[in-house]
PDB file of N, CA and C in Angstrom:
ATOM      1  N   UNK A   1     -22.129 -16.320  23.651  1.00  0.00           N
ATOM      2  CA  UNK A   1     -21.824 -16.909  22.830  1.00  0.00           C
ATOM      3  C   UNK A   1     -21.847 -16.503  21.098  1.00  0.00           C
ATOM      4  N   UNK A   2     -20.628 -16.172  20.443  1.00  0.00           N
ATOM      5  CA  UNK A   2     -20.824 -16.313  19.015  1.00  0.00           C
ATOM      6  C   UNK A   2     -21.371 -16.785  17.759  1.00  0.00           C
ATOM      7  N   UNK A   3     -22.012 -16.306  17.223  1.00  0.00           N
ATOM      8  CA  UNK A   3     -23.157 -17.789  16.343  1.00  0.00           C
ATOM      9  C   UNK A   3     -22.456 -16.954  14.919  1.00  0.00           C
ATOM     10  N   UNK A   4     -22.599 -17.672  13.747  1.00  0.00           N
ATOM     11  CA  UNK A   4     -21.687 -17.886  12.287  1.00  0.00           C
ATOM     12  C   UNK A   4     -22.848 -18.351  12.096  1.00  0.00           C
ATOM     13  N   UNK A   5     -22.946 -17.479  10.624  1.00  0.00           N
ATOM     14  CA  UNK A   5     -23.549 -17.439   9.382  1.00  0.00           C
ATOM     15  C   UNK A   5     -22.609 -18.689   8.321  1.00  0.00           C
ATOM     16  N   UNK A   6     -22.563 -19.384   7.683  1.00  0.00           N
ATOM     17  CA  UNK A   6     -22.101 -20.056   6.875  1.00  0.00           C
ATOM     18  C   UNK A   6     -22.243 -20.154   5.417  1.00  0.00           C
ATOM     19  N   UNK A   7     -21.875 -19.034   4.553  1.00  0.00           N
ATOM     20  CA  UNK A   7     -22.343 -19.054   3.104  1.00  0.00           C
ATOM     21  C   UNK A   7     -22.004 -20.470   1.813  1.00  0.00           C
ATOM     22  N   UNK A   8     -22.637 -21.444   1.680  1.00  0.00           N
ATOM     23  CA  UNK A   8     -21.844 -22.720   1.371  1.00  0.00           C
ATOM     24  C   UNK A   8     -22.414 -21.831   0.029  1.00  0.00           C
ATOM     25  N   UNK A   9     -21.783 -22.541  -1.439  1.00  0.00           N
ATOM     26  CA  UNK A   9     -21.239 -22.610  -2.097  1.00  0.00           C
ATOM     27  C   UNK A   9     -22.254 -22.792  -2.801  1.00  0.00           C
ATOM     28  N   UNK A  10     -23.684 -23.826  -2.523  1.00  0.00           N
ATOM     29  CA  UNK A  10     -24.775 -24.060  -3.299  1.00  0.00           C
ATOM     30  C   UNK A  10     -25.942 -23.048  -2.817  1.00  0.00           C
ATOM     31  N   UNK A  11     -26.186 -22.272  -2.413  1.00  0.00           N
ATOM     32  CA  UNK A  11     -26.882 -20.551  -2.253  1.00  0.00           C
ATOM     33  C   UNK A  11     -26.932 -21.055  -0.618  1.00  0.00           C
ATOM     34  N   UNK A  12     -26.649 -22.429   0.567  1.00  0.00           N
ATOM     35  CA  UNK A  12     -27.307 -22.465   1.739  1.00  0.00           C
ATOM     36  C   UNK A  12     -26.734 -21.966   2.219  1.00  0.00           C
ATOM     37  N   UNK A  13     -27.336 -21.997   3.857  1.00  0.00           N
ATOM     38  CA  UNK A  13     -26.625 -20.804   4.531  1.00  0.00           C
ATOM     39  C   UNK A  13     -27.179 -21.462   6.021  1.00  0.00           C
ATOM     40  N   UNK A  14     -25.741 -21.460   6.437  1.00  0.00           N
ATOM     41  CA  UNK A  14     -25.548 -22.546   7.608  1.00  0.00           C
ATOM     42  C   UNK A  14     -25.583 -21.724   8.417  1.00  0.00           C
ATOM     43  N   UNK A  15     -26.341 -21.912   9.980  1.00  0.00           N
ATOM     44  CA  UNK A  15     -26.145 -21.161  11.466  1.00  0.00           C
ATOM     45  C   UNK A  15     -25.284 -22.397  11.901  1.00  0.00           C
ATOM     46  N   UNK A  16     -23.613 -21.657  12.758  1.00  0.00           N
ATOM     47  CA  UNK A  16     -23.049 -22.379  13.742  1.00  0.00           C
ATOM     48  C   UNK A  16     -22.649 -21.728  14.879  1.00  0.00           C
ATOM     49  N   UNK A  17     -22.131 -22.529  15.566  1.00  0.00           N
ATOM     50  CA  UNK A  17     -21.770 -21.445  17.164  1.00  0.00           C
ATOM     51  C   UNK A  17     -20.253 -21.869  17.495  1.00  0.00           C
ATOM     52  N   UNK A  18     -19.527 -21.271  18.070  1.00  0.00           N
ATOM     53  CA  UNK A  18     -18.170 -21.557  18.277  1.00  0.00           C
ATOM     54  C   UNK A  18     -18.537 -22.670  18.846  1.00  0.00           C
ATOM     55  N   UNK A  19     -18.524 -23.908  19.703  1.00  0.00           N
ATOM     56  CA  UNK A  19     -18.474 -24.769  19.671  1.00  0.00           C
ATOM     57  C   UNK A  19     -18.774 -25.900  18.182  1.00  0.00           C
ATOM     58  N   UNK A  20     -20.234 -24.919  17.703  1.00  0.00           N
ATOM     59  CA  UNK A  20     -19.353 -26.269  16.569  1.00  0.00           C
ATOM     60  C   UNK A  20     -19.349 -25.791  14.713  1.00  0.00           C
ATOM     61  N   UNK A  21     -18.322 -24.915  15.193  1.00  0.00           N
ATOM     62  CA  UNK A  21     -18.000 -23.715  13.990  1.00  0.00           C
ATOM     63  C   UNK A  21     -17.279 -24.287  12.387  1.00  0.00           C
ATOM     64  N   UNK A  22     -16.167 -25.614  13.674  1.00  0.00           N
ATOM     65  CA  UNK A  22     -15.175 -26.479  12.786  1.00  0.00           C
ATOM     66  C   UNK A  22     -15.605 -27.593  12.213  1.00  0.00           C
ATOM     67  N   UNK A  23     -17.147 -28.109  12.458  1.00  0.00           N
ATOM     68  CA  UNK A  23     -17.553 -29.615  12.375  1.00  0.00           C
ATOM     69  C   UNK A  23     -17.969 -29.932  10.761  1.00  0.00           C
ATOM     70  N   UNK A  24     -18.050 -29.296  10.273  1.00  0.00           N
ATOM     71  CA  UNK A  24     -17.887 -29.750   8.280  1.00  0.00           C
ATOM     72  C   UNK A  24     -17.564 -28.159   7.533  1.00  0.00           C
ATOM     73  N   UNK A  25     -17.417 -27.427   8.000  1.00  0.00           N
ATOM     74  CA  UNK A  25     -16.639 -26.293   7.593  1.00  0.00           C
ATOM     75  C   UNK A  25     -15.642 -26.655   6.490  1.00  0.00           C
ATOM     76  N   UNK A  26     -15.010 -27.456   6.733  1.00  0.00           N
ATOM     77  CA  UNK A  26     -14.041 -28.347   5.580  1.00  0.00           C
ATOM     78  C   UNK A  26     -14.451 -28.502   4.382  1.00  0.00           C
ATOM     79  N   UNK A  27     -16.010 -29.493   5.155  1.00  0.00           N
ATOM     80  CA  UNK A  27     -15.961 -30.205   3.551  1.00  0.00           C
ATOM     81  C   UNK A  27     -17.116 -29.310   2.388  1.00  0.00           C
ATOM     82  N   UNK A  28     -17.746 -28.270   3.309  1.00  0.00           N
ATOM     83  CA  UNK A  28     -18.097 -27.059   2.869  1.00  0.00           C
ATOM     84  C   UNK A  28     -17.089 -26.291   1.502  1.00  0.00           C
ATOM     85  N   UNK A  29     -16.296 -26.412   2.282  1.00  0.00           N
ATOM     86  CA  UNK A  29     -15.181 -25.529   1.582  1.00  0.00           C
ATOM     87  C   UNK A  29     -14.825 -26.266   0.654  1.00  0.00           C
ATOM     88  N   UNK A  30     -14.918 -27.813   0.558  1.00  0.00           N
ATOM     89  CA  UNK A  30     -14.997 -28.686  -0.416  1.00  0.00           C
ATOM     90  C   UNK A  30     -15.492 -28.739  -1.981  1.00  0.00           C
ATOM     91  N   UNK A  31     -16.715 -28.224  -1.440  1.00  0.00           N
ATOM     92  CA  UNK A  31     -16.916 -28.247  -2.502  1.00  0.00           C
ATOM     93  C   UNK A  31     -17.944 -26.724  -3.313  1.00  0.00           C
ATOM     94  N   UNK A  32     -16.600 -26.234  -2.690  1.00  0.00           N
ATOM     95  CA  UNK A  32     -16.460 -24.528  -3.777  1.00  0.00           C
ATOM     96  C   UNK A  32     -16.121 -23.201  -2.530  1.00  0.00           C
ATOM     97  N   UNK A  33     -16.071 -22.358  -3.063  1.00  0.00           N
ATOM     98  CA  UNK A  33     -15.968 -20.744  -1.961  1.00  0.00           C
ATOM     99  C   UNK A  33     -16.622 -20.415  -1.496  1.00  0.00           C
ATOM    100  N   UNK A  34     -16.295 -20.133  -0.030  1.00  0.00           N
ATOM    101  CA  UNK A  34     -17.666 -19.999   1.299  1.00  0.00           C
ATOM    102  C   UNK A  34     -17.330 -19.255   1.265  1.00  0.00           C
ATOM    103  N   UNK A  35     -18.158 -18.390   2.065  1.00  0.00           N
ATOM    104  CA  UNK A  35     -17.914 -17.032   3.413  1.00  0.00           C
ATOM    105  C   UNK A  35     -18.877 -17.697   4.732  1.00  0.00           C
ATOM    106  N   UNK A  36     -17.854 -16.532   5.745  1.00  0.00           N
ATOM    107  CA  UNK A  36     -18.735 -16.846   7.150  1.00  0.00           C
ATOM    108  C   UNK A  36     -19.374 -15.067   6.816  1.00  0.00           C
ATOM    109  N   UNK A  37     -20.308 -15.188   8.210  1.00  0.00           N
ATOM    110  CA  UNK A  37     -20.248 -13.574   8.865  1.00  0.00           C
ATOM    111  C   UNK A  37     -20.504 -14.121  10.354  1.00  0.00           C
ATOM    112  N   UNK A  38     -20.152 -13.138  10.889  1.00  0.00           N
ATOM    113  CA  UNK A  38     -20.323 -14.021  12.766  1.00  0.00           C
ATOM    114  C   UNK A  38     -20.456 -12.235  13.525  1.00  0.00           C
ATOM    115  N   UNK A  39     -21.871 -13.170  14.246  1.00  0.00           N
ATOM    116  CA  UNK A  39     -22.520 -12.080  15.448  1.00  0.00           C
ATOM    117  C   UNK A  39     -21.867 -12.334  16.347  1.00  0.00           C
ATOM    118  N   UNK A  40     -21.933 -11.242  17.275  1.00  0.00           N
ATOM    119  CA  UNK A  40     -21.172 -11.872  18.894  1.00  0.00           C
ATOM    120  C   UNK A  40     -22.501 -12.395  19.608  1.00  0.00           C
ATOM    121  N   UNK A  41     -23.768 -12.671  19.184  1.00  0.00           N
ATOM    122  CA  UNK A  41     -25.002 -13.471  20.104  1.00  0.00           C
ATOM    123  C   UNK A  41     -25.589 -13.750  18.991  1.00  0.00           C
ATOM    124  N   UNK A  42     -27.013 -14.730  19.188  1.00  0.00           N
ATOM    125  CA  UNK A  42     -28.181 -15.176  18.332  1.00  0.00           C
ATOM    126  C   UNK A  42     -29.246 -13.976  19.064  1.00  0.00           C
ATOM    127  N   UNK A  43     -29.123 -13.630  19.866  1.00  0.00           N
ATOM    128  CA  UNK A  43     -30.378 -11.883  19.643  1.00  0.00           C
ATOM    129  C   UNK A  43     -28.953 -11.012  18.793  1.00  0.00           C
ATOM    130  N   UNK A  44     -28.505 -10.915  18.618  1.00  0.00           N
ATOM    131  CA  UNK A  44     -28.030  -9.375  17.489  1.00  0.00           C
ATOM    132  C   UNK A  44     -28.030  -9.952  16.655  1.00  0.00           C
ATOM    133  N   UNK A  45     -28.334 -11.174  16.445  1.00  0.00           N
ATOM    134  CA  UNK A  45     -28.396 -11.780  14.501  1.00  0.00           C
ATOM    135  C   UNK A  45     -29.734 -11.844  14.822  1.00  0.00           C
ATOM    136  N   UNK A  46     -30.725 -11.872  15.485  1.00  0.00           N
ATOM    137  CA  UNK A  46     -32.588 -12.016  14.655  1.00  0.00           C
ATOM    138  C   UNK A  46     -32.732 -10.079  15.179  1.00  0.00           C
ATOM    139  N   UNK A  47     -31.749  -9.176  15.221  1.00  0.00           N
ATOM    140  CA  UNK A  47     -31.830  -8.284  15.454  1.00  0.00           C
ATOM    141  C   UNK A  47     -32.147  -7.092  14.108  1.00  0.00           C
ATOM    142  N   UNK A  48     -31.417  -7.950  13.218  1.00  0.00           N
ATOM    143  CA  UNK A  48     -30.659  -7.865  12.262  1.00  0.00           C
ATOM    144  C   UNK A  48     -29.637  -6.611  12.301  1.00  0.00           C
ATOM    145  N   UNK A  49     -28.514  -6.657  13.485  1.00  0.00           N
ATOM    146  CA  UNK A  49     -27.523  -5.573  13.289  1.00  0.00           C
ATOM    147  C   UNK A  49     -26.829  -6.644  12.233  1.00  0.00           C
ATOM    148  N   UNK A  50     -25.516  -5.605  11.968  1.00  0.00           N
ATOM    149  CA  UNK A  50     -24.554  -5.835  11.146  1.00  0.00           C
ATOM    150  C   UNK A  50     -24.284  -6.544  12.029  1.00  0.00           C
ATOM    151  N   UNK A  51     -22.871  -7.525  11.069  1.00  0.00           N
ATOM    152  CA  UNK A  51     -21.853  -8.423  11.259  1.00  0.00           C
ATOM    153  C   UNK A  51     -21.045  -8.171  12.395  1.00  0.00           C
ATOM    154  N   UNK A  52     -20.265  -8.587  13.396  1.00  0.00           N
ATOM    155  CA  UNK A  52     -19.100  -8.208  13.445  1.00  0.00           C
ATOM    156  C   UNK A  52     -17.957  -8.175  12.712  1.00  0.00           C
ATOM    157  N   UNK A  53     -17.782  -9.212  11.630  1.00  0.00           N
ATOM    158  CA  UNK A  53     -16.800  -9.394  10.974  1.00  0.00           C
ATOM    159  C   UNK A  53     -17.056 -10.730   9.956  1.00  0.00           C
ATOM    160  N   UNK A  54     -16.432 -10.272   8.459  1.00  0.00           N
ATOM    161  CA  UNK A  54     -17.005 -11.437   7.606  1.00  0.00           C
ATOM    162  C   UNK A  54     -15.048 -11.747   7.413  1.00  0.00           C
ATOM    163  N   UNK A  55     -15.619 -13.139   6.229  1.00  0.00           N
ATOM    164  CA  UNK A  55     -14.436 -13.432   6.167  1.00  0.00           C
ATOM    165  C   UNK A  55     -14.585 -14.317   4.479  1.00  0.00           C
ATOM    166  N   UNK A  56     -14.181 -13.805   3.338  1.00  0.00           N
ATOM    167  CA  UNK A  56     -14.979 -14.282   1.918  1.00  0.00           C
ATOM    168  C   UNK A  56     -13.704 -15.228   1.373  1.00  0.00           C
ATOM    169  N   UNK A  57     -14.264 -16.289   1.023  1.00  0.00           N
ATOM    170  CA  UNK A  57     -13.143 -16.932   0.096  1.00  0.00           C
ATOM    171  C   UNK A  57     -12.568 -17.930   1.229  1.00  0.00           C
ATOM    172  N   UNK A  58     -12.529 -18.997   0.378  1.00  0.00           N
ATOM    173  CA  UNK A  58     -11.248 -20.394   1.273  1.00  0.00           C
ATOM    174  C   UNK A  58     -10.338 -19.757   1.857  1.00  0.00           C
ATOM    175  N   UNK A  59      -8.892 -19.668   1.508  1.00  0.00           N
ATOM    176  CA  UNK A  59      -8.009 -18.929   1.720  1.00  0.00           C
ATOM    177  C   UNK A  59      -8.138 -17.892   3.225  1.00  0.00           C
ATOM    178  N   UNK A  60      -8.902 -17.361   3.337  1.00  0.00           N
ATOM    179  CA  UNK A  60      -9.389 -16.298   4.601  1.00  0.00           C
ATOM    180  C   UNK A  60     -10.010 -16.859   5.378  1.00  0.00           C
ATOM    181  N   UNK A  61     -10.349 -18.113   4.913  1.00  0.00           N
ATOM    182  CA  UNK A  61     -11.409 -19.086   5.688  1.00  0.00           C
ATOM    183  C   UNK A  61     -10.644 -20.350   6.723  1.00  0.00           C
ATOM    184  N   UNK A  62      -9.229 -20.633   6.182  1.00  0.00           N
ATOM    185  CA  UNK A  62      -8.216 -21.852   6.574  1.00  0.00           C
ATOM    186  C   UNK A  62      -7.139 -20.342   7.316  1.00  0.00           C
ATOM    187  N   UNK A  63      -6.701 -19.356   7.156  1.00  0.00           N
ATOM    188  CA  UNK A  63      -5.963 -18.737   7.633  1.00  0.00           C
ATOM    189  C   UNK A  63      -6.968 -18.048   9.132  1.00  0.00           C
ATOM    190  N   UNK A  64      -8.564 -18.026   9.197  1.00  0.00           N
ATOM    191  CA  UNK A  64      -8.677 -17.749   9.852  1.00  0.00           C
ATOM    192  C   UNK A  64      -9.082 -19.456  11.507  1.00  0.00           C
ATOM    193  N   UNK A  65      -9.310 -20.174  10.691  1.00  0.00           N
ATOM    194  CA  UNK A  65      -8.961 -21.570  11.651  1.00  0.00           C
ATOM    195  C   UNK A  65      -7.515 -21.952  12.151  1.00  0.00           C
ATOM    196  N   UNK A  66      -7.103 -22.351  11.191  1.00  0.00           N
ATOM    197  CA  UNK A  66      -5.545 -22.018  11.755  1.00  0.00           C
ATOM    198  C   UNK A  66      -5.082 -21.391  12.942  1.00  0.00           C
ATOM    199  N   UNK A  67      -5.500 -19.567  13.070  1.00  0.00           N
ATOM    200  CA  UNK A  67      -5.324 -19.438  14.255  1.00  0.00           C
ATOM    201  C   UNK A  67      -6.314 -19.333  15.748  1.00  0.00           C
ATOM    202  N   UNK A  68      -7.541 -20.090  15.145  1.00  0.00           N
ATOM    203  CA  UNK A  68      -8.108 -20.404  16.358  1.00  0.00           C
ATOM    204  C   UNK A  68      -7.315 -21.868  16.825  1.00  0.00           C
ATOM    205  N   UNK A  69      -6.814 -22.395  16.420  1.00  0.00           N
ATOM    206  CA  UNK A  69      -6.333 -24.110  16.184  1.00  0.00           C
ATOM    207  C   UNK A  69      -4.591 -23.376  16.935  1.00  0.00           C
ATOM    208  N   UNK A  70      -3.745 -22.131  16.812  1.00  0.00           N
ATOM    209  CA  UNK A  70      -3.224 -22.239  17.473  1.00  0.00           C
ATOM    210  C   UNK A  70      -3.283 -21.533  18.813  1.00  0.00           C
ATOM    211  N   UNK A  71      -4.640 -21.182  19.131  1.00  0.00           N
ATOM    212  CA  UNK A  71      -4.503 -20.923  20.775  1.00  0.00           C
ATOM    213  C   UNK A  71      -5.602 -21.701  21.310  1.00  0.00           C
TER     214      UNK A  71
END
């Protein structure tokens, strides 16, 4: 299961899974510009592998979220 680190504008970093990525992302984006990094699983994250992909900025995140909803 993919895992995500969401970088909140206040400097906090939140860990989310595919199931919970959309739970509070809108509230985070309301606070300011966010970024997301994605790993294939927790093991890759714990092993300090490079993220599979990342998004910077709320516009990019909104576009990605809308594509997820379409599927």
